[in-house]
Protein backbone atom coordinates (compact mmCIF):
# COMPACT_ATOMS: atom_id res chain seq x y z
CA UNK A 1 121.42 -29.80 57.99
CA UNK A 2 123.47 -31.38 60.81
CA UNK A 3 126.65 -30.40 58.98
CA UNK A 4 125.40 -26.80 58.74
CA UNK A 5 124.64 -26.76 62.46
CA UNK A 6 128.12 -28.14 63.17
CA UNK A 7 129.69 -25.47 60.94
CA UNK A 8 127.65 -22.77 62.64
CA UNK A 9 128.04 -23.79 66.28
CA UNK A 10 130.93 -26.17 66.98
CA UNK A 11 133.94 -23.88 66.59
CA UNK A 12 132.33 -20.78 68.17
CA UNK A 13 131.00 -22.77 71.14
CA UNK A 14 134.37 -24.39 71.84
CA UNK A 15 136.20 -21.07 71.57
CA UNK A 16 133.69 -19.42 73.91
CA UNK A 17 134.16 -22.29 76.35
CA UNK A 18 137.95 -21.87 76.18
CA UNK A 19 137.60 -18.15 76.94
CA UNK A 20 135.24 -18.74 79.86
CA UNK A 21 137.45 -21.48 81.24
CA UNK A 22 140.50 -19.24 81.07
CA UNK A 23 138.63 -16.36 82.69
CA UNK A 24 137.31 -18.39 85.61
CA UNK A 25 140.17 -20.85 86.21
CA UNK A 26 143.20 -19.41 84.36
CA UNK A 27 143.51 -22.78 82.60
CA UNK A 28 142.22 -24.27 79.37
CA UNK A 29 141.72 -28.02 79.43
CA UNK A 30 143.44 -30.18 76.83
CA UNK A 31 139.97 -31.54 76.08
CA UNK A 32 139.02 -28.22 74.48
CA UNK A 33 141.99 -28.36 72.10
CA UNK A 34 141.34 -32.03 71.35
CA UNK A 35 137.66 -31.27 70.66
CA UNK A 36 138.64 -28.42 68.33
CA UNK A 37 141.09 -30.64 66.44
CA UNK A 38 138.68 -33.59 66.20
CA UNK A 39 135.84 -31.25 65.25
CA UNK A 40 137.94 -29.80 62.45
CA UNK A 41 138.76 -33.22 61.04
CA UNK A 42 135.15 -34.40 61.21
CA UNK A 43 133.69 -31.24 59.67
CA UNK A 44 136.43 -31.07 57.03
CA UNK A 45 135.86 -34.65 55.90
CA UNK A 46 132.07 -34.32 56.07
CA UNK A 47 132.27 -31.11 54.05
CA UNK A 48 134.29 -32.82 51.33
CA UNK A 49 137.45 -30.78 51.88
CA UNK A 50 140.25 -32.12 49.70
CA UNK A 51 143.25 -33.86 51.24
CA UNK A 52 145.67 -31.11 50.09
CA UNK A 53 143.44 -28.48 51.74
CA UNK A 54 143.21 -30.52 54.96
CA UNK A 55 146.99 -30.88 54.97
CA UNK A 56 147.37 -27.14 54.41
CA UNK A 57 145.15 -26.43 57.42
CA UNK A 58 147.18 -28.93 59.46
CA UNK A 59 150.31 -27.08 58.33
CA UNK A 60 148.87 -23.79 59.59
CA UNK A 61 148.03 -25.37 62.93
CA UNK A 62 151.47 -26.98 63.22
CA UNK A 63 153.20 -23.69 62.40
CA UNK A 64 151.28 -21.84 65.11
CA UNK A 65 151.85 -24.70 67.55
CA UNK A 66 155.62 -24.51 67.01
CA UNK A 67 155.75 -20.74 67.48
CA UNK A 68 153.29 -20.78 70.38
CA UNK A 69 155.24 -23.46 72.23
CA UNK A 70 158.35 -21.34 71.78
CA UNK A 71 156.42 -18.55 73.47
CA UNK A 72 155.30 -21.00 76.16
CA UNK A 73 158.92 -22.07 76.74
CA UNK A 74 159.78 -18.39 77.30
CA UNK A 75 156.85 -18.15 79.79
CA UNK A 76 155.09 -15.58 77.63
CA UNK A 77 151.88 -17.59 77.22
CA UNK A 78 150.30 -20.56 78.91
CA UNK A 79 150.30 -24.05 77.43
CA UNK A 80 146.51 -24.04 77.02
CA UNK A 81 146.71 -20.74 75.15
CA UNK A 82 149.34 -22.19 72.82
CA UNK A 83 147.22 -25.25 72.05
CA UNK A 84 144.01 -23.25 71.53
CA UNK A 85 145.81 -20.82 69.20
CA UNK A 86 147.12 -23.78 67.19
CA UNK A 87 143.74 -25.48 66.92
CA UNK A 88 142.10 -22.21 65.92
CA UNK A 89 144.76 -21.91 63.21
CA UNK A 90 143.84 -25.44 62.15
CA UNK A 91 140.29 -24.23 61.45
CA UNK A 92 141.43 -21.04 59.69
CA UNK A 93 144.24 -22.41 57.58
CA UNK A 94 146.73 -20.05 56.01
CA UNK A 95 143.97 -18.06 54.28
CA UNK A 96 142.79 -16.39 57.49
CA UNK A 97 145.76 -17.04 59.76
CA UNK A 98 147.44 -13.64 59.67
CA UNK A 99 144.18 -11.79 60.21
CA UNK A 100 143.36 -14.07 63.14
CA UNK A 101 146.77 -13.55 64.71
CA UNK A 102 146.46 -9.79 64.25
CA UNK A 103 143.04 -9.68 65.93
CA UNK A 104 144.18 -11.98 68.76
CA UNK A 105 147.26 -9.82 69.32
CA UNK A 106 145.31 -6.56 69.40
CA UNK A 107 142.66 -7.95 71.72
CA UNK A 108 145.38 -9.54 73.86
CA UNK A 109 147.17 -6.21 74.17
CA UNK A 110 143.97 -4.42 75.13
CA UNK A 111 143.09 -7.16 77.64
CA UNK A 112 146.57 -6.98 79.16
CA UNK A 113 146.47 -3.20 79.50
CA UNK A 114 142.99 -3.30 81.04
CA UNK A 115 143.97 -5.97 83.56
CA UNK A 116 147.19 -4.18 84.49
CA UNK A 117 145.18 -1.00 85.07
CA UNK A 118 142.49 -2.86 87.04
CA UNK A 119 145.14 -4.47 89.24
CA UNK A 120 146.38 -1.04 90.30
CA UNK A 121 143.18 -0.45 92.25
CA UNK A 122 141.87 -2.45 95.19
CA UNK A 123 139.08 -4.88 94.41
CA UNK A 124 135.77 -3.62 95.82
CA UNK A 125 134.95 -5.42 99.06
CA UNK A 126 131.64 -6.76 97.69
CA UNK A 127 133.59 -8.66 95.00
CA UNK A 128 136.37 -10.12 97.16
CA UNK A 129 134.35 -13.29 97.88
CA UNK A 130 134.72 -14.43 94.27
CA UNK A 131 137.78 -16.69 94.03
CA UNK A 132 138.08 -16.34 90.26
CA UNK A 133 137.93 -12.55 90.52
CA UNK A 134 140.59 -12.52 93.24
CA UNK A 135 142.81 -14.67 91.01
CA UNK A 136 142.20 -12.40 88.03
CA UNK A 137 142.94 -9.31 90.12
CA UNK A 138 146.15 -10.65 91.70
CA UNK A 139 149.21 -8.74 90.49
CA UNK A 140 151.30 -11.91 90.28
CA UNK A 141 148.65 -13.65 88.20
CA UNK A 142 148.93 -14.11 84.46
CA UNK A 143 146.68 -12.85 81.70
CA UNK A 144 143.82 -15.13 80.57
CA UNK A 145 144.88 -14.84 76.93
CA UNK A 146 142.30 -17.44 75.90
CA UNK A 147 139.79 -14.59 76.00
CA UNK A 148 141.70 -12.66 73.34
CA UNK A 149 142.22 -15.79 71.27
CA UNK A 150 138.48 -16.50 71.35
CA UNK A 151 137.42 -12.94 70.53
CA UNK A 152 139.88 -12.83 67.63
CA UNK A 153 138.61 -16.17 66.37
CA UNK A 154 134.98 -15.14 66.62
CA UNK A 155 135.72 -11.95 64.68
CA UNK A 156 137.27 -13.93 61.82
CA UNK A 157 135.04 -17.02 61.76
CA UNK A 158 132.11 -15.42 59.86
CA UNK A 159 134.49 -14.70 56.97
CA UNK A 160 135.65 -18.30 56.61
CA UNK A 161 134.62 -20.95 54.12
CA UNK A 162 132.95 -22.81 57.01
CA UNK A 163 130.30 -20.15 57.48
CA UNK A 164 130.02 -19.26 53.80
CA UNK A 165 129.18 -22.91 53.02
CA UNK A 166 126.16 -22.92 55.35
CA UNK A 167 122.88 -23.37 53.52
CA UNK A 168 120.70 -20.75 55.18
CA UNK A 169 117.60 -22.29 53.62
CA UNK A 170 117.84 -24.99 56.33
CA UNK A 171 117.18 -22.33 58.94
CA UNK A 172 114.35 -20.48 57.19
CA UNK A 173 111.02 -20.42 58.96
CA UNK A 174 108.31 -21.61 56.57
């Protein structure tokens, strides 16, 4: 039952935390990425995932990390975004990677367009006391792409082997 709870909650909670952190601070702590990576390894081993499958998932994460850090080097994404994208890819493996990247890209594009449009208008006076909102509204500020990464991940996660392996009988009310 504990494994089922971990499968059900760990990844979504950490991705939601990454999104909230990015929204409010425009940063994602390395601890989130480390927790996602450690959580993957623990849940994978506890679930009985084979070593070749674990290595394949690590390969997916490493591939995304390499590409994402190239994007970081070009100043297209933040370092926290790159690490969260890679650790999400670790959980998805190659089986769901392209769908995840597609969703994250679409949501990222929509988020970017919405923020660029929002930044064209003055922030209502009643909201100017919120530091995080001022930072989000600033024209020279970046895009909290962790939000798009999390939404994309949460759209895909129910389709993964992690969720499909959950024994729903553990959660039935007698």
